[in-house]
Amino acid sequence: MRTVRTALLTVAAAGLAVTALAPAPAAAAPAPAPAAPKFLSAAQLPASPTPWTAGPVRTGAPQEGSVCTAGIAPAAGTRYRDFRTELDTNARQTITVAATAARAEKLAADLHHALATCLDRMKEQDPGLEGEAFYHGRIGIEDGAHLHSIDTSHPEVGSTDIGLYSVGRDGRAVTVVEWGQMGELDGAPLEGFRKTTRTAVAKLY
């Protein structure tokens, strides 16, 4: 009996040794970070008599311009890119990646509201300003986009300006596209801007 017990203990010890020598399973590799949303290229802006030039992608919320939406998107998670032509036509795309889809949905709603009420706020700040604002409807792309225009004039100065604006969302990413030049809505590339907005939202992810 003692011999059998000793043999069993020897086998058990050998099993423990083999277990101890067995390599530990490799730790699972961390999941790769999701790719950053992509920006529009100059060629994807509405057609212009002179070519568009794209600036670099910058980190943070824009410090200048973007009058209608300034202060709404957080600097963290936000990047933007400016575009221009030789005829004083300019554009900007801003992208914000929120922590969750729910926060992105709220941000998109806040930006949509800011665009819808922008002209009223501009008139409060500048009583001599005149203008019209229009909502051009929802665009069915990913989680949706909305298109606005603001046509302003300053009779004392004799200037007229037209701006096209859109906000769209895909999951956690929200983008705002702005386009502006001197002139009126009749001369603005509304359908071209609608196509640009669809492209901007589609490129997010």
N, C-alpha and C. Protein backbone atom coordinates (compact mmCIF):
# COMPACT_ATOMS: atom_id res chain seq x y z
N MET A 1 0.83 -1.20 0.00
CA MET A 1 0.00 0.00 0.00
C MET A 1 0.86 1.25 0.00
N ARG A 2 1.92 1.22 0.81
CA ARG A 2 2.82 2.39 0.85
C ARG A 2 3.44 2.62 -0.52
N THR A 3 3.77 1.56 -1.25
CA THR A 3 4.38 1.70 -2.57
C THR A 3 3.41 2.35 -3.55
N VAL A 4 2.12 1.93 -3.49
CA VAL A 4 1.11 2.50 -4.38
C VAL A 4 0.92 3.98 -4.09
N ARG A 5 0.85 4.33 -2.78
CA ARG A 5 0.65 5.73 -2.40
C ARG A 5 1.83 6.57 -2.86
N THR A 6 3.02 6.05 -2.71
CA THR A 6 4.21 6.80 -3.15
C THR A 6 4.19 7.02 -4.65
N ALA A 7 3.75 6.02 -5.39
CA ALA A 7 3.68 6.14 -6.85
C ALA A 7 2.67 7.20 -7.26
N LEU A 8 1.53 7.20 -6.55
CA LEU A 8 0.50 8.20 -6.87
C LEU A 8 0.99 9.61 -6.59
N LEU A 9 1.70 9.78 -5.49
CA LEU A 9 2.23 11.10 -5.14
C LEU A 9 3.25 11.55 -6.18
N THR A 10 4.05 10.60 -6.66
CA THR A 10 5.07 10.93 -7.66
C THR A 10 4.42 11.39 -8.96
N VAL A 11 3.35 10.66 -9.39
CA VAL A 11 2.64 11.05 -10.61
C VAL A 11 2.00 12.41 -10.46
N ALA A 12 1.38 12.67 -9.30
CA ALA A 12 0.74 13.96 -9.05
C ALA A 12 1.76 15.08 -9.09
N ALA A 13 2.91 14.87 -8.49
CA ALA A 13 3.97 15.89 -8.49
C ALA A 13 4.45 16.15 -9.89
N ALA A 14 4.57 15.08 -10.68
CA ALA A 14 5.01 15.26 -12.06
C ALA A 14 3.99 16.07 -12.84
N GLY A 15 2.68 15.81 -12.56
CA GLY A 15 1.63 16.57 -13.25
C GLY A 15 1.69 18.04 -12.91
N LEU A 16 1.95 18.36 -11.63
CA LEU A 16 2.08 19.75 -11.22
C LEU A 16 3.26 20.41 -11.89
N ALA A 17 4.35 19.67 -12.03
CA ALA A 17 5.54 20.23 -12.66
C ALA A 17 5.26 20.56 -14.12
N VAL A 18 4.56 19.62 -14.81
CA VAL A 18 4.24 19.88 -16.22
C VAL A 18 3.34 21.08 -16.34
N THR A 19 2.35 21.18 -15.42
CA THR A 19 1.45 22.33 -15.45
C THR A 19 2.21 23.62 -15.22
N ALA A 20 3.13 23.59 -14.28
CA ALA A 20 3.90 24.80 -13.96
C ALA A 20 4.76 25.22 -15.14
N LEU A 21 5.26 24.20 -15.90
CA LEU A 21 6.13 24.53 -17.02
C LEU A 21 5.36 24.94 -18.27
N ALA A 22 4.06 24.65 -18.31
CA ALA A 22 3.28 24.98 -19.50
C ALA A 22 3.21 26.49 -19.66
N PRO A 23 3.39 26.99 -20.86
CA PRO A 23 3.36 28.44 -21.07
C PRO A 23 1.97 29.00 -20.82
N ALA A 24 1.93 30.15 -20.18
CA ALA A 24 0.65 30.81 -19.91
C ALA A 24 0.08 31.31 -21.22
N PRO A 25 -1.25 31.27 -21.38
CA PRO A 25 -1.85 31.76 -22.63
C PRO A 25 -1.52 33.24 -22.83
N ALA A 26 -1.29 33.60 -24.07
CA ALA A 26 -0.93 34.99 -24.37
C ALA A 26 -2.10 35.90 -24.08
N ALA A 27 -1.81 37.08 -23.53
CA ALA A 27 -2.86 38.05 -23.24
C ALA A 27 -3.47 38.54 -24.55
N ALA A 28 -4.77 38.73 -24.51
CA ALA A 28 -5.45 39.19 -25.72
C ALA A 28 -4.94 40.57 -26.11
N ALA A 29 -4.70 40.74 -27.39
CA ALA A 29 -4.22 42.04 -27.87
C ALA A 29 -5.32 43.08 -27.72
N PRO A 30 -4.98 44.29 -27.30
CA PRO A 30 -6.00 45.33 -27.15
C PRO A 30 -6.65 45.62 -28.49
N ALA A 31 -7.95 45.93 -28.44
CA ALA A 31 -8.67 46.24 -29.68
C ALA A 31 -8.12 47.53 -30.29
N PRO A 32 -7.92 47.53 -31.59
CA PRO A 32 -7.39 48.74 -32.22
C PRO A 32 -8.36 49.91 -32.07
N ALA A 33 -7.81 51.10 -31.92
CA ALA A 33 -8.65 52.28 -31.80
C ALA A 33 -9.37 52.54 -33.12
N PRO A 34 -10.63 52.96 -33.06
CA PRO A 34 -11.35 53.21 -34.31
C PRO A 34 -10.68 54.30 -35.12
N ALA A 35 -10.73 54.19 -36.42
CA ALA A 35 -10.11 55.19 -37.29
C ALA A 35 -10.80 56.53 -37.10
N ALA A 36 -10.02 57.60 -37.19
CA ALA A 36 -10.58 58.94 -37.06
C ALA A 36 -11.46 59.24 -38.27
N PRO A 37 -12.56 59.95 -38.08
CA PRO A 37 -13.42 60.31 -39.22
C PRO A 37 -12.63 61.08 -40.28
N LYS A 38 -13.00 60.89 -41.52
CA LYS A 38 -12.29 61.53 -42.63
C LYS A 38 -12.95 62.85 -43.02
N PHE A 39 -12.11 63.81 -43.44
CA PHE A 39 -12.59 65.12 -43.87
C PHE A 39 -12.83 65.14 -45.37
N LEU A 40 -13.60 66.13 -45.79
CA LEU A 40 -13.78 66.40 -47.20
C LEU A 40 -12.46 66.78 -47.84
N SER A 41 -12.33 66.50 -49.12
CA SER A 41 -11.21 67.01 -49.90
C SER A 41 -11.68 68.26 -50.64
N ALA A 42 -10.74 69.02 -51.18
CA ALA A 42 -11.10 70.23 -51.90
C ALA A 42 -12.00 69.92 -53.09
N ALA A 43 -11.78 68.79 -53.74
CA ALA A 43 -12.56 68.42 -54.93
C ALA A 43 -14.00 68.09 -54.59
N GLN A 44 -14.31 67.87 -53.31
CA GLN A 44 -15.67 67.50 -52.91
C GLN A 44 -16.51 68.69 -52.47
N LEU A 45 -15.97 69.89 -52.57
CA LEU A 45 -16.74 71.10 -52.30
C LEU A 45 -17.58 71.45 -53.52
N PRO A 46 -18.63 72.27 -53.38
CA PRO A 46 -19.43 72.66 -54.54
C PRO A 46 -18.56 73.31 -55.62
N ALA A 47 -18.96 73.13 -56.87
CA ALA A 47 -18.19 73.66 -57.99
C ALA A 47 -18.00 75.17 -57.85
N SER A 48 -16.81 75.65 -58.23
CA SER A 48 -16.47 77.07 -58.13
C SER A 48 -15.70 77.47 -59.38
N PRO A 49 -15.83 78.75 -59.83
CA PRO A 49 -15.08 79.20 -61.01
C PRO A 49 -13.56 79.06 -60.86
N THR A 50 -13.07 79.16 -59.63
CA THR A 50 -11.65 78.94 -59.37
C THR A 50 -11.50 77.77 -58.40
N PRO A 51 -10.40 77.04 -58.48
CA PRO A 51 -10.25 75.82 -57.67
C PRO A 51 -10.26 76.10 -56.17
N TRP A 52 -10.75 75.11 -55.44
CA TRP A 52 -10.69 75.15 -53.98
C TRP A 52 -9.31 74.75 -53.51
N THR A 53 -8.87 75.37 -52.43
CA THR A 53 -7.63 74.99 -51.75
C THR A 53 -7.99 74.54 -50.34
N ALA A 54 -7.52 73.36 -49.95
CA ALA A 54 -7.81 72.82 -48.62
C ALA A 54 -6.67 73.13 -47.66
N GLY A 55 -7.01 73.63 -46.50
CA GLY A 55 -6.02 73.87 -45.46
C GLY A 55 -5.76 72.60 -44.66
N PRO A 56 -4.85 72.67 -43.70
CA PRO A 56 -4.56 71.49 -42.86
C PRO A 56 -5.70 71.21 -41.89
N VAL A 57 -5.78 69.98 -41.43
CA VAL A 57 -6.73 69.62 -40.38
C VAL A 57 -6.15 70.08 -39.05
N ARG A 58 -6.93 70.86 -38.32
CA ARG A 58 -6.47 71.42 -37.04
C ARG A 58 -7.27 70.83 -35.89
N THR A 59 -6.60 70.72 -34.74
CA THR A 59 -7.22 70.12 -33.56
C THR A 59 -7.86 71.19 -32.69
N GLY A 60 -9.05 70.89 -32.16
CA GLY A 60 -9.76 71.82 -31.29
C GLY A 60 -10.85 72.54 -32.04
N ALA A 61 -11.67 73.27 -31.28
CA ALA A 61 -12.75 74.04 -31.90
C ALA A 61 -12.18 75.31 -32.52
N PRO A 62 -12.73 75.78 -33.64
CA PRO A 62 -12.23 77.00 -34.27
C PRO A 62 -12.34 78.19 -33.33
N GLN A 63 -11.33 79.03 -33.33
CA GLN A 63 -11.34 80.21 -32.47
C GLN A 63 -11.98 81.42 -33.15
N GLU A 64 -12.06 81.39 -34.47
CA GLU A 64 -12.65 82.49 -35.22
C GLU A 64 -13.63 81.94 -36.25
N GLY A 65 -14.56 82.79 -36.67
CA GLY A 65 -15.55 82.35 -37.64
C GLY A 65 -16.58 81.44 -37.00
N SER A 66 -17.31 80.70 -37.82
CA SER A 66 -18.35 79.79 -37.33
C SER A 66 -19.27 80.50 -36.34
N VAL A 67 -19.75 81.69 -36.75
CA VAL A 67 -20.55 82.53 -35.86
C VAL A 67 -21.78 81.81 -35.35
N CYS A 68 -22.42 81.04 -36.20
CA CYS A 68 -23.68 80.41 -35.81
C CYS A 68 -23.51 79.30 -34.77
N THR A 69 -22.38 78.62 -34.78
CA THR A 69 -22.22 77.44 -33.93
C THR A 69 -21.09 77.57 -32.90
N ALA A 70 -20.52 78.75 -32.78
CA ALA A 70 -19.40 78.94 -31.85
C ALA A 70 -19.81 78.61 -30.42
N GLY A 71 -18.94 77.88 -29.73
CA GLY A 71 -19.16 77.58 -28.32
C GLY A 71 -20.06 76.40 -28.04
N ILE A 72 -20.56 75.72 -29.06
CA ILE A 72 -21.47 74.59 -28.83
C ILE A 72 -20.71 73.27 -28.77
N ALA A 73 -19.88 73.01 -29.75
CA ALA A 73 -19.09 71.77 -29.74
C ALA A 73 -17.90 71.92 -28.80
N PRO A 74 -17.59 70.90 -28.00
CA PRO A 74 -16.44 70.98 -27.10
C PRO A 74 -15.14 70.93 -27.88
N ALA A 75 -14.10 71.55 -27.31
CA ALA A 75 -12.79 71.50 -27.98
C ALA A 75 -12.24 70.08 -28.00
N ALA A 76 -12.48 69.34 -26.91
CA ALA A 76 -12.01 67.95 -26.86
C ALA A 76 -12.79 67.11 -27.86
N GLY A 77 -12.07 66.38 -28.68
CA GLY A 77 -12.72 65.54 -29.67
C GLY A 77 -13.12 66.25 -30.94
N THR A 78 -12.73 67.54 -31.07
CA THR A 78 -13.12 68.33 -32.24
C THR A 78 -11.91 68.66 -33.09
N ARG A 79 -12.09 68.58 -34.41
CA ARG A 79 -11.08 69.00 -35.38
C ARG A 79 -11.80 69.76 -36.49
N TYR A 80 -11.05 70.58 -37.24
CA TYR A 80 -11.70 71.31 -38.32
C TYR A 80 -10.71 71.56 -39.46
N ARG A 81 -11.28 71.89 -40.61
CA ARG A 81 -10.48 72.14 -41.81
C ARG A 81 -11.11 73.29 -42.60
N ASP A 82 -10.30 74.26 -42.99
CA ASP A 82 -10.77 75.40 -43.77
C ASP A 82 -10.44 75.22 -45.25
N PHE A 83 -11.29 75.79 -46.09
CA PHE A 83 -11.12 75.76 -47.54
C PHE A 83 -11.33 77.19 -48.07
N ARG A 84 -10.72 77.50 -49.20
CA ARG A 84 -10.92 78.82 -49.80
C ARG A 84 -10.70 78.73 -51.30
N THR A 85 -11.19 79.77 -52.00
CA THR A 85 -10.93 79.92 -53.42
C THR A 85 -10.33 81.31 -53.64
N GLU A 86 -9.99 81.62 -54.88
CA GLU A 86 -9.42 82.92 -55.20
C GLU A 86 -10.49 84.00 -55.31
N LEU A 87 -11.76 83.63 -55.23
CA LEU A 87 -12.85 84.60 -55.38
C LEU A 87 -13.57 84.88 -54.07
N ASP A 88 -12.84 84.84 -52.98
CA ASP A 88 -13.41 85.15 -51.66
C ASP A 88 -14.56 84.22 -51.27
N THR A 89 -14.55 83.03 -51.80
CA THR A 89 -15.49 82.01 -51.35
C THR A 89 -14.75 81.12 -50.36
N ASN A 90 -15.38 80.85 -49.24
CA ASN A 90 -14.70 80.06 -48.20
C ASN A 90 -15.64 78.99 -47.67
N ALA A 91 -15.05 78.01 -47.05
CA ALA A 91 -15.82 76.91 -46.46
C ALA A 91 -15.05 76.35 -45.28
N ARG A 92 -15.77 75.63 -44.46
CA ARG A 92 -15.15 74.99 -43.29
C ARG A 92 -15.92 73.73 -42.96
N GLN A 93 -15.19 72.69 -42.58
CA GLN A 93 -15.80 71.49 -42.03
C GLN A 93 -15.27 71.25 -40.64
N THR A 94 -16.17 71.03 -39.71
CA THR A 94 -15.81 70.74 -38.32
C THR A 94 -16.37 69.36 -37.96
N ILE A 95 -15.56 68.54 -37.33
CA ILE A 95 -15.99 67.20 -36.91
C ILE A 95 -15.73 67.04 -35.41
N THR A 96 -16.75 66.58 -34.70
CA THR A 96 -16.62 66.29 -33.28
C THR A 96 -16.99 64.83 -33.03
N VAL A 97 -16.13 64.12 -32.32
CA VAL A 97 -16.42 62.74 -31.93
C VAL A 97 -16.79 62.75 -30.45
N ALA A 98 -18.05 62.44 -30.16
CA ALA A 98 -18.53 62.44 -28.78
C ALA A 98 -18.21 61.12 -28.10
N ALA A 99 -18.35 61.11 -26.77
CA ALA A 99 -18.04 59.90 -26.01
C ALA A 99 -19.03 58.78 -26.29
N THR A 100 -20.28 59.14 -26.56
CA THR A 100 -21.32 58.15 -26.83
C THR A 100 -22.19 58.64 -27.98
N ALA A 101 -22.94 57.71 -28.55
CA ALA A 101 -23.87 58.09 -29.63
C ALA A 101 -24.97 59.00 -29.10
N ALA A 102 -25.37 58.80 -27.84
CA ALA A 102 -26.42 59.65 -27.26
C ALA A 102 -25.94 61.10 -27.14
N ARG A 103 -24.69 61.28 -26.73
CA ARG A 103 -24.16 62.64 -26.63
C ARG A 103 -24.01 63.26 -28.02
N ALA A 104 -23.63 62.44 -28.99
CA ALA A 104 -23.52 62.96 -30.35
C ALA A 104 -24.89 63.37 -30.88
N GLU A 105 -25.90 62.60 -30.56
CA GLU A 105 -27.26 62.94 -31.01
C GLU A 105 -27.69 64.28 -30.41
N LYS A 106 -27.40 64.50 -29.12
CA LYS A 106 -27.76 65.78 -28.49
C LYS A 106 -26.97 66.92 -29.11
N LEU A 107 -25.67 66.70 -29.36
CA LEU A 107 -24.85 67.75 -29.96
C LEU A 107 -25.39 68.12 -31.33
N ALA A 108 -25.75 67.13 -32.14
CA ALA A 108 -26.29 67.41 -33.46
C ALA A 108 -27.58 68.21 -33.36
N ALA A 109 -28.43 67.88 -32.39
CA ALA A 109 -29.68 68.61 -32.20
C ALA A 109 -29.40 70.05 -31.77
N ASP A 110 -28.43 70.24 -30.89
CA ASP A 110 -28.08 71.60 -30.44
C ASP A 110 -27.53 72.43 -31.60
N LEU A 111 -26.72 71.82 -32.45
CA LEU A 111 -26.16 72.54 -33.59
C LEU A 111 -27.25 72.87 -34.61
N HIS A 112 -28.16 71.95 -34.82
CA HIS A 112 -29.29 72.19 -35.73
C HIS A 112 -30.11 73.38 -35.23
N HIS A 113 -30.38 73.42 -33.94
CA HIS A 113 -31.14 74.54 -33.36
C HIS A 113 -30.36 75.85 -33.49
N ALA A 114 -29.05 75.79 -33.27
CA ALA A 114 -28.23 77.00 -33.37
C ALA A 114 -28.25 77.58 -34.78
N LEU A 115 -28.24 76.71 -35.79
CA LEU A 115 -28.30 77.18 -37.17
C LEU A 115 -29.68 77.78 -37.47
N ALA A 116 -30.73 77.16 -36.94
CA ALA A 116 -32.09 77.64 -37.20
C ALA A 116 -32.35 79.00 -36.57
N THR A 117 -31.67 79.32 -35.48
CA THR A 117 -31.90 80.58 -34.77
C THR A 117 -30.78 81.59 -34.97
N CYS A 118 -29.84 81.28 -35.85
CA CYS A 118 -28.64 82.11 -35.97
C CYS A 118 -28.96 83.53 -36.45
N LEU A 119 -29.82 83.68 -37.45
CA LEU A 119 -30.09 85.01 -37.99
C LEU A 119 -30.69 85.92 -36.93
N ASP A 120 -31.60 85.41 -36.11
CA ASP A 120 -32.19 86.21 -35.05
C ASP A 120 -31.12 86.72 -34.09
N ARG A 121 -30.18 85.86 -33.74
CA ARG A 121 -29.10 86.27 -32.84
C ARG A 121 -28.18 87.28 -33.50
N MET A 122 -27.93 87.11 -34.79
CA MET A 122 -27.10 88.08 -35.51
C MET A 122 -27.76 89.45 -35.55
N LYS A 123 -29.08 89.49 -35.73
CA LYS A 123 -29.80 90.77 -35.76
C LYS A 123 -29.80 91.44 -34.39
N GLU A 124 -29.85 90.65 -33.33
CA GLU A 124 -29.78 91.22 -31.99
C GLU A 124 -28.45 91.91 -31.75
N GLN A 125 -27.38 91.33 -32.28
CA GLN A 125 -26.05 91.90 -32.10
C GLN A 125 -25.81 93.07 -33.06
N ASP A 126 -26.49 93.06 -34.21
CA ASP A 126 -26.29 94.11 -35.21
C ASP A 126 -27.67 94.53 -35.73
N PRO A 127 -28.32 95.53 -35.08
CA PRO A 127 -29.68 95.93 -35.46
C PRO A 127 -29.80 96.41 -36.91
N GLY A 128 -28.71 96.84 -37.53
CA GLY A 128 -28.76 97.30 -38.91
C GLY A 128 -28.75 96.18 -39.93
N LEU A 129 -28.61 94.96 -39.48
CA LEU A 129 -28.52 93.82 -40.38
C LEU A 129 -29.91 93.37 -40.84
N GLU A 130 -30.02 93.04 -42.11
CA GLU A 130 -31.26 92.49 -42.66
C GLU A 130 -30.96 91.13 -43.27
N GLY A 131 -31.98 90.31 -43.39
CA GLY A 131 -31.71 89.02 -44.00
C GLY A 131 -32.87 88.06 -43.92
N GLU A 132 -32.67 86.90 -44.54
CA GLU A 132 -33.64 85.82 -44.52
C GLU A 132 -32.92 84.51 -44.24
N ALA A 133 -33.59 83.65 -43.51
CA ALA A 133 -33.04 82.33 -43.21
C ALA A 133 -34.04 81.27 -43.67
N PHE A 134 -33.53 80.19 -44.24
CA PHE A 134 -34.38 79.12 -44.73
C PHE A 134 -33.85 77.77 -44.27
N TYR A 135 -34.78 76.88 -43.98
CA TYR A 135 -34.44 75.49 -43.69
C TYR A 135 -34.77 74.68 -44.94
N HIS A 136 -33.78 74.00 -45.49
CA HIS A 136 -33.96 73.29 -46.76
C HIS A 136 -34.18 71.79 -46.58
N GLY A 137 -34.47 71.37 -45.37
CA GLY A 137 -34.90 69.99 -45.16
C GLY A 137 -33.82 69.05 -44.68
N ARG A 138 -34.29 67.83 -44.41
CA ARG A 138 -33.42 66.77 -43.91
C ARG A 138 -32.84 65.99 -45.07
N ILE A 139 -31.60 65.56 -44.91
CA ILE A 139 -30.93 64.74 -45.91
C ILE A 139 -30.79 63.32 -45.34
N GLY A 140 -31.29 62.34 -46.07
CA GLY A 140 -31.28 60.96 -45.58
C GLY A 140 -29.95 60.28 -45.84
N ILE A 141 -29.00 60.51 -44.95
CA ILE A 141 -27.69 59.88 -45.03
C ILE A 141 -27.25 59.49 -43.63
N GLU A 142 -26.88 58.23 -43.41
CA GLU A 142 -26.48 57.71 -42.08
C GLU A 142 -27.54 58.08 -41.05
N ASP A 143 -27.18 58.82 -39.97
CA ASP A 143 -28.15 59.20 -38.95
C ASP A 143 -28.83 60.53 -39.26
N GLY A 144 -28.66 61.03 -40.48
CA GLY A 144 -29.39 62.22 -40.90
C GLY A 144 -28.54 63.48 -40.90
N ALA A 145 -28.93 64.42 -41.75
CA ALA A 145 -28.29 65.73 -41.83
C ALA A 145 -29.37 66.77 -42.11
N HIS A 146 -29.08 68.02 -41.81
CA HIS A 146 -30.03 69.11 -42.01
C HIS A 146 -29.33 70.26 -42.72
N LEU A 147 -30.05 70.91 -43.64
CA LEU A 147 -29.47 71.94 -44.48
C LEU A 147 -30.16 73.28 -44.25
N HIS A 148 -29.35 74.34 -44.06
CA HIS A 148 -29.86 75.68 -43.81
C HIS A 148 -29.16 76.68 -44.73
N SER A 149 -29.81 77.83 -44.93
CA SER A 149 -29.15 78.95 -45.61
C SER A 149 -29.50 80.24 -44.88
N ILE A 150 -28.58 81.18 -44.88
CA ILE A 150 -28.79 82.49 -44.28
C ILE A 150 -28.31 83.54 -45.27
N ASP A 151 -29.22 84.38 -45.70
CA ASP A 151 -28.94 85.44 -46.68
C ASP A 151 -28.99 86.77 -45.94
N THR A 152 -27.89 87.49 -45.87
CA THR A 152 -27.85 88.73 -45.10
C THR A 152 -27.41 89.91 -45.96
N SER A 153 -27.83 91.10 -45.54
CA SER A 153 -27.40 92.32 -46.22
C SER A 153 -27.29 93.43 -45.19
N HIS A 154 -26.43 94.39 -45.48
CA HIS A 154 -26.24 95.54 -44.62
C HIS A 154 -26.43 96.78 -45.49
N PRO A 155 -27.66 97.35 -45.53
CA PRO A 155 -27.94 98.47 -46.43
C PRO A 155 -26.98 99.65 -46.28
N GLU A 156 -26.55 99.94 -45.07
CA GLU A 156 -25.65 101.07 -44.86
C GLU A 156 -24.30 100.84 -45.54
N VAL A 157 -23.88 99.59 -45.59
CA VAL A 157 -22.60 99.25 -46.19
C VAL A 157 -22.77 98.87 -47.65
N GLY A 158 -23.95 98.34 -48.00
CA GLY A 158 -24.20 97.91 -49.37
C GLY A 158 -23.68 96.53 -49.68
N SER A 159 -23.45 95.72 -48.66
CA SER A 159 -22.92 94.37 -48.88
C SER A 159 -24.01 93.33 -48.71
N THR A 160 -23.91 92.25 -49.45
CA THR A 160 -24.81 91.11 -49.31
C THR A 160 -23.97 89.85 -49.22
N ASP A 161 -24.37 88.95 -48.35
CA ASP A 161 -23.63 87.70 -48.15
C ASP A 161 -24.61 86.54 -48.04
N ILE A 162 -24.19 85.40 -48.55
CA ILE A 162 -24.99 84.19 -48.45
C ILE A 162 -24.16 83.10 -47.80
N GLY A 163 -24.77 82.40 -46.87
CA GLY A 163 -24.10 81.29 -46.21
C GLY A 163 -24.95 80.03 -46.28
N LEU A 164 -24.33 78.92 -46.57
CA LEU A 164 -24.99 77.62 -46.54
C LEU A 164 -24.40 76.81 -45.40
N TYR A 165 -25.25 76.13 -44.66
CA TYR A 165 -24.80 75.41 -43.46
C TYR A 165 -25.50 74.06 -43.39
N SER A 166 -24.79 73.08 -42.88
CA SER A 166 -25.41 71.77 -42.65
C SER A 166 -24.78 71.12 -41.43
N VAL A 167 -25.57 70.27 -40.78
CA VAL A 167 -25.08 69.48 -39.67
C VAL A 167 -25.56 68.05 -39.88
N GLY A 168 -24.68 67.09 -39.70
CA GLY A 168 -25.04 65.69 -39.89
C GLY A 168 -24.33 64.80 -38.88
N ARG A 169 -24.84 63.58 -38.73
CA ARG A 169 -24.28 62.67 -37.72
C ARG A 169 -24.20 61.25 -38.26
N ASP A 170 -23.16 60.55 -37.84
CA ASP A 170 -23.01 59.12 -38.06
C ASP A 170 -22.47 58.52 -36.78
N GLY A 171 -23.34 57.89 -36.00
CA GLY A 171 -22.91 57.31 -34.73
C GLY A 171 -22.44 58.37 -33.76
N ARG A 172 -21.18 58.26 -33.32
CA ARG A 172 -20.63 59.22 -32.35
C ARG A 172 -20.04 60.46 -33.00
N ALA A 173 -19.99 60.51 -34.33
CA ALA A 173 -19.35 61.63 -35.03
C ALA A 173 -20.40 62.60 -35.57
N VAL A 174 -20.16 63.88 -35.33
CA VAL A 174 -21.04 64.96 -35.80
C VAL A 174 -20.21 65.91 -36.65
N THR A 175 -20.72 66.29 -37.80
CA THR A 175 -20.00 67.23 -38.65
C THR A 175 -20.86 68.42 -39.00
N VAL A 176 -20.23 69.59 -39.06
CA VAL A 176 -20.86 70.82 -39.53
C VAL A 176 -20.07 71.28 -40.76
N VAL A 177 -20.78 71.59 -41.84
CA VAL A 177 -20.15 72.11 -43.04
C VAL A 177 -20.70 73.51 -43.28
N GLU A 178 -19.80 74.48 -43.51
CA GLU A 178 -20.18 75.87 -43.75
C GLU A 178 -19.61 76.32 -45.09
N TRP A 179 -20.38 77.09 -45.82
CA TRP A 179 -19.95 77.64 -47.12
C TRP A 179 -20.45 79.07 -47.20
N GLY A 180 -19.62 80.01 -47.65
CA GLY A 180 -20.05 81.40 -47.72
C GLY A 180 -19.35 82.19 -48.80
N GLN A 181 -20.06 83.19 -49.33
CA GLN A 181 -19.47 84.11 -50.29
C GLN A 181 -20.37 85.35 -50.39
N MET A 182 -19.89 86.38 -51.06
CA MET A 182 -20.71 87.54 -51.31
C MET A 182 -21.77 87.18 -52.34
N GLY A 183 -22.99 87.72 -52.17
CA GLY A 183 -24.05 87.43 -53.12
C GLY A 183 -25.33 87.05 -52.41
N GLU A 184 -26.25 86.45 -53.17
CA GLU A 184 -27.54 86.07 -52.65
C GLU A 184 -27.80 84.59 -52.88
N LEU A 185 -28.89 84.10 -52.27
CA LEU A 185 -29.20 82.68 -52.34
C LEU A 185 -29.39 82.20 -53.77
N ASP A 186 -29.93 83.06 -54.63
CA ASP A 186 -30.16 82.65 -56.02
C ASP A 186 -28.86 82.22 -56.72
N GLY A 187 -27.75 82.79 -56.30
CA GLY A 187 -26.48 82.46 -56.93
C GLY A 187 -25.67 81.42 -56.18
N ALA A 188 -26.23 80.85 -55.12
CA ALA A 188 -25.49 79.87 -54.32
C ALA A 188 -25.72 78.46 -54.86
N PRO A 189 -24.72 77.61 -54.79
CA PRO A 189 -24.83 76.22 -55.31
C PRO A 189 -25.53 75.31 -54.30
N LEU A 190 -26.83 75.52 -54.12
CA LEU A 190 -27.55 74.79 -53.09
C LEU A 190 -27.51 73.29 -53.31
N GLU A 191 -27.75 72.83 -54.53
CA GLU A 191 -27.74 71.40 -54.79
C GLU A 191 -26.32 70.83 -54.69
N GLY A 192 -25.34 71.61 -55.11
CA GLY A 192 -23.96 71.17 -54.95
C GLY A 192 -23.59 71.04 -53.48
N PHE A 193 -24.10 71.96 -52.65
CA PHE A 193 -23.81 71.89 -51.22
C PHE A 193 -24.53 70.71 -50.58
N ARG A 194 -25.72 70.41 -51.08
CA ARG A 194 -26.43 69.24 -50.57
C ARG A 194 -25.62 67.96 -50.84
N LYS A 195 -25.05 67.87 -52.02
CA LYS A 195 -24.20 66.72 -52.37
C LYS A 195 -22.95 66.69 -51.49
N THR A 196 -22.35 67.86 -51.26
CA THR A 196 -21.18 67.94 -50.38
C THR A 196 -21.51 67.45 -48.98
N THR A 197 -22.69 67.83 -48.48
CA THR A 197 -23.10 67.39 -47.15
C THR A 197 -23.25 65.89 -47.09
N ARG A 198 -23.87 65.30 -48.10
CA ARG A 198 -24.02 63.84 -48.14
C ARG A 198 -22.65 63.16 -48.12
N THR A 199 -21.71 63.71 -48.88
CA THR A 199 -20.37 63.14 -48.91
C THR A 199 -19.68 63.29 -47.57
N ALA A 200 -19.85 64.46 -46.93
CA ALA A 200 -19.19 64.70 -45.64
C ALA A 200 -19.65 63.71 -44.58
N VAL A 201 -20.95 63.44 -44.53
CA VAL A 201 -21.48 62.51 -43.53
C VAL A 201 -21.09 61.07 -43.86
N ALA A 202 -21.14 60.74 -45.16
CA ALA A 202 -20.76 59.38 -45.57
C ALA A 202 -19.30 59.07 -45.27
N LYS A 203 -18.44 60.08 -45.30
CA LYS A 203 -17.01 59.86 -45.09
C LYS A 203 -16.63 59.74 -43.60
N LEU A 204 -17.55 60.06 -42.70
CA LEU A 204 -17.20 60.04 -41.27
C LEU A 204 -16.70 58.66 -40.86
N TYR A 205 -17.45 57.61 -41.22
CA TYR A 205 -17.05 56.24 -40.89
C TYR A 205 -17.37 55.32 -42.07
